[in-house]
Structure formats: C-alpha cells, structure tokens
Amino acid sequence: MPKMKSRRAVAKRFSETGTGKIKRTRDGKGHILTKKSRQRKRRLRSGAYVSKAYEKNVKAMM
C-alpha cells in the first residue's frame, strides 16, 4: 500500500509545535487593509493555535 500524501495546501498553512499544538496565521490580512484600523492589523500579525476540535483533522491532512 502506498504512503498517504499530505494535503499540500494544509501543509503550507499550518505548522506543528514541539508540544504537538498546531500553529496557524490569522485570516483577514491579505487585502482591503485601508478600512481596517491600525490596531486591528497589528493584532492580525500575531499567530494563533488551531482549536482542539479541529486539531485532529488538520494533523491527519498534514
């Protein structure tokens, strides 16, 4: 049986930490930035973790 292929889109968007959590970038920073406040754009720079509910799904796709 061949090896499972990873979903490349998922592999590019998420990364696993040493403790096993899944890191992600925040959405909403791609375009239409003029109407967003400076504070909001600054908050979007920081990353976030995938919630426990979706962690198993993302790991399976990576």
N, C-alpha and C. Protein backbone atom coordinates (compact mmCIF):
# COMPACT_ATOMS: atom_id res chain seq x y z
N MET A 1 0.85 -1.18 0.00
CA MET A 1 0.00 0.00 0.00
C MET A 1 0.89 1.25 0.00
N PRO A 2 0.59 2.22 -0.88
CA PRO A 2 1.44 3.41 -0.94
C PRO A 2 1.27 4.32 0.27
N LYS A 3 2.25 5.19 0.44
CA LYS A 3 2.19 6.15 1.55
C LYS A 3 1.08 7.17 1.31
N MET A 4 0.53 7.68 2.41
CA MET A 4 -0.50 8.71 2.30
C MET A 4 0.15 10.02 1.89
N LYS A 5 -0.48 10.72 0.96
CA LYS A 5 0.03 12.02 0.57
C LYS A 5 -0.53 13.08 1.51
N SER A 6 0.29 14.09 1.80
CA SER A 6 -0.21 15.18 2.64
C SER A 6 -0.92 16.18 1.74
N ARG A 7 -1.89 16.87 2.33
CA ARG A 7 -2.56 17.94 1.59
C ARG A 7 -1.60 19.12 1.58
N ARG A 8 -1.09 19.47 0.43
CA ARG A 8 -0.06 20.49 0.33
C ARG A 8 -0.56 21.85 0.81
N ALA A 9 -1.81 22.17 0.53
CA ALA A 9 -2.37 23.45 0.97
C ALA A 9 -2.36 23.55 2.49
N VAL A 10 -2.70 22.45 3.15
CA VAL A 10 -2.72 22.42 4.62
C VAL A 10 -1.30 22.49 5.16
N ALA A 11 -0.39 21.75 4.54
CA ALA A 11 1.00 21.72 5.00
C ALA A 11 1.66 23.10 4.91
N LYS A 12 1.23 23.91 3.95
CA LYS A 12 1.80 25.25 3.80
C LYS A 12 1.22 26.24 4.80
N ARG A 13 -0.01 26.02 5.23
CA ARG A 13 -0.70 26.98 6.10
C ARG A 13 -0.51 26.72 7.59
N PHE A 14 -0.22 25.49 7.96
CA PHE A 14 -0.12 25.13 9.37
C PHE A 14 1.25 24.55 9.68
N SER A 15 1.67 24.66 10.93
CA SER A 15 2.90 24.02 11.37
C SER A 15 2.70 23.50 12.78
N GLU A 16 3.39 22.41 13.09
CA GLU A 16 3.24 21.77 14.39
C GLU A 16 4.36 22.23 15.33
N THR A 17 3.99 22.53 16.57
CA THR A 17 4.98 22.95 17.56
C THR A 17 5.60 21.72 18.20
N GLY A 18 6.58 21.94 19.02
CA GLY A 18 7.24 20.84 19.70
C GLY A 18 6.33 20.09 20.66
N THR A 19 5.35 20.80 21.21
CA THR A 19 4.42 20.18 22.17
C THR A 19 3.24 19.51 21.48
N GLY A 20 3.16 19.63 20.15
CA GLY A 20 2.09 18.96 19.41
C GLY A 20 0.92 19.84 19.04
N LYS A 21 0.97 21.12 19.41
CA LYS A 21 -0.10 22.04 19.02
C LYS A 21 0.09 22.43 17.57
N ILE A 22 -0.99 22.88 16.93
CA ILE A 22 -0.93 23.30 15.54
C ILE A 22 -1.02 24.82 15.48
N LYS A 23 0.02 25.44 14.88
CA LYS A 23 0.07 26.89 14.74
C LYS A 23 -0.56 27.30 13.42
N ARG A 24 -1.21 28.46 13.40
CA ARG A 24 -1.79 28.98 12.16
C ARG A 24 -1.63 30.49 12.14
N THR A 25 -1.77 31.07 10.94
CA THR A 25 -1.78 32.52 10.83
C THR A 25 -3.22 33.00 10.86
N ARG A 26 -3.42 34.23 11.26
CA ARG A 26 -4.77 34.78 11.33
C ARG A 26 -5.22 35.22 9.94
N ASP A 27 -6.50 35.06 9.68
CA ASP A 27 -7.02 35.49 8.38
C ASP A 27 -7.40 36.96 8.42
N GLY A 28 -7.58 37.56 7.25
CA GLY A 28 -8.00 38.94 7.17
C GLY A 28 -6.86 39.92 6.96
N LYS A 29 -5.67 39.43 6.63
CA LYS A 29 -4.52 40.33 6.44
C LYS A 29 -4.10 40.38 4.97
N GLY A 30 -4.85 39.76 4.11
CA GLY A 30 -4.45 39.66 2.70
C GLY A 30 -4.68 40.91 1.88
N HIS A 31 -5.86 41.49 1.97
CA HIS A 31 -6.18 42.67 1.17
C HIS A 31 -7.30 43.45 1.85
N ILE A 32 -7.69 44.57 1.23
CA ILE A 32 -8.67 45.52 1.80
C ILE A 32 -8.22 45.95 3.20
N LEU A 33 -7.00 46.45 3.27
CA LEU A 33 -6.44 46.83 4.57
C LEU A 33 -6.68 48.29 4.92
N THR A 34 -7.14 49.08 3.97
CA THR A 34 -7.30 50.52 4.23
C THR A 34 -8.42 50.80 5.23
N LYS A 35 -9.46 50.02 5.20
CA LYS A 35 -10.58 50.28 6.12
C LYS A 35 -10.39 49.63 7.50
N LYS A 36 -9.36 48.81 7.64
CA LYS A 36 -9.09 48.17 8.93
C LYS A 36 -8.19 49.09 9.77
N SER A 37 -8.46 49.12 11.04
CA SER A 37 -7.71 50.01 11.92
C SER A 37 -6.28 49.52 12.10
N ARG A 38 -5.41 50.44 12.51
CA ARG A 38 -4.01 50.12 12.73
C ARG A 38 -3.88 49.05 13.80
N GLN A 39 -4.69 49.19 14.84
CA GLN A 39 -4.65 48.23 15.96
C GLN A 39 -5.09 46.84 15.50
N ARG A 40 -6.12 46.79 14.67
CA ARG A 40 -6.62 45.51 14.17
C ARG A 40 -5.57 44.80 13.30
N LYS A 41 -4.92 45.57 12.43
CA LYS A 41 -3.89 44.99 11.56
C LYS A 41 -2.70 44.50 12.37
N ARG A 42 -2.38 45.21 13.44
CA ARG A 42 -1.28 44.81 14.32
C ARG A 42 -1.60 43.50 15.02
N ARG A 43 -2.85 43.33 15.44
CA ARG A 43 -3.27 42.08 16.09
C ARG A 43 -3.25 40.91 15.13
N LEU A 44 -3.52 41.18 13.85
CA LEU A 44 -3.54 40.12 12.85
C LEU A 44 -2.15 39.56 12.55
N ARG A 45 -1.11 40.33 12.92
CA ARG A 45 0.27 39.85 12.70
C ARG A 45 0.59 38.63 13.55
N SER A 46 0.08 38.62 14.77
CA SER A 46 0.40 37.51 15.66
C SER A 46 -0.34 36.25 15.24
N GLY A 47 0.29 35.12 15.43
CA GLY A 47 -0.31 33.85 15.06
C GLY A 47 -1.31 33.38 16.10
N ALA A 48 -1.87 32.20 15.86
CA ALA A 48 -2.82 31.62 16.80
C ALA A 48 -2.70 30.10 16.71
N TYR A 49 -3.38 29.42 17.60
CA TYR A 49 -3.38 27.97 17.58
C TYR A 49 -4.73 27.45 17.11
N VAL A 50 -4.70 26.31 16.44
CA VAL A 50 -5.93 25.66 15.99
C VAL A 50 -6.65 25.11 17.23
N SER A 51 -7.97 25.23 17.26
CA SER A 51 -8.73 24.75 18.41
C SER A 51 -8.67 23.23 18.49
N LYS A 52 -8.93 22.72 19.67
CA LYS A 52 -8.87 21.27 19.92
C LYS A 52 -9.82 20.50 19.01
N ALA A 53 -10.95 21.10 18.68
CA ALA A 53 -11.95 20.43 17.86
C ALA A 53 -11.42 20.10 16.46
N TYR A 54 -10.57 20.98 15.91
CA TYR A 54 -10.07 20.80 14.55
C TYR A 54 -8.66 20.24 14.49
N GLU A 55 -8.00 20.13 15.63
CA GLU A 55 -6.61 19.70 15.66
C GLU A 55 -6.41 18.33 15.01
N LYS A 56 -7.28 17.39 15.31
CA LYS A 56 -7.17 16.03 14.77
C LYS A 56 -7.31 16.02 13.25
N ASN A 57 -8.24 16.82 12.74
CA ASN A 57 -8.46 16.89 11.28
C ASN A 57 -7.24 17.45 10.56
N VAL A 58 -6.68 18.51 11.10
CA VAL A 58 -5.53 19.16 10.47
C VAL A 58 -4.32 18.24 10.50
N LYS A 59 -4.11 17.55 11.61
CA LYS A 59 -2.97 16.63 11.71
C LYS A 59 -3.08 15.49 10.71
N ALA A 60 -4.28 15.02 10.47
CA ALA A 60 -4.48 13.94 9.50
C ALA A 60 -4.16 14.39 8.09
N MET A 61 -4.43 15.66 7.79
CA MET A 61 -4.18 16.18 6.45
C MET A 61 -2.74 16.58 6.20
N MET A 62 -1.98 16.80 7.30
CA MET A 62 -0.58 17.23 7.15
C MET A 62 0.33 16.08 6.78
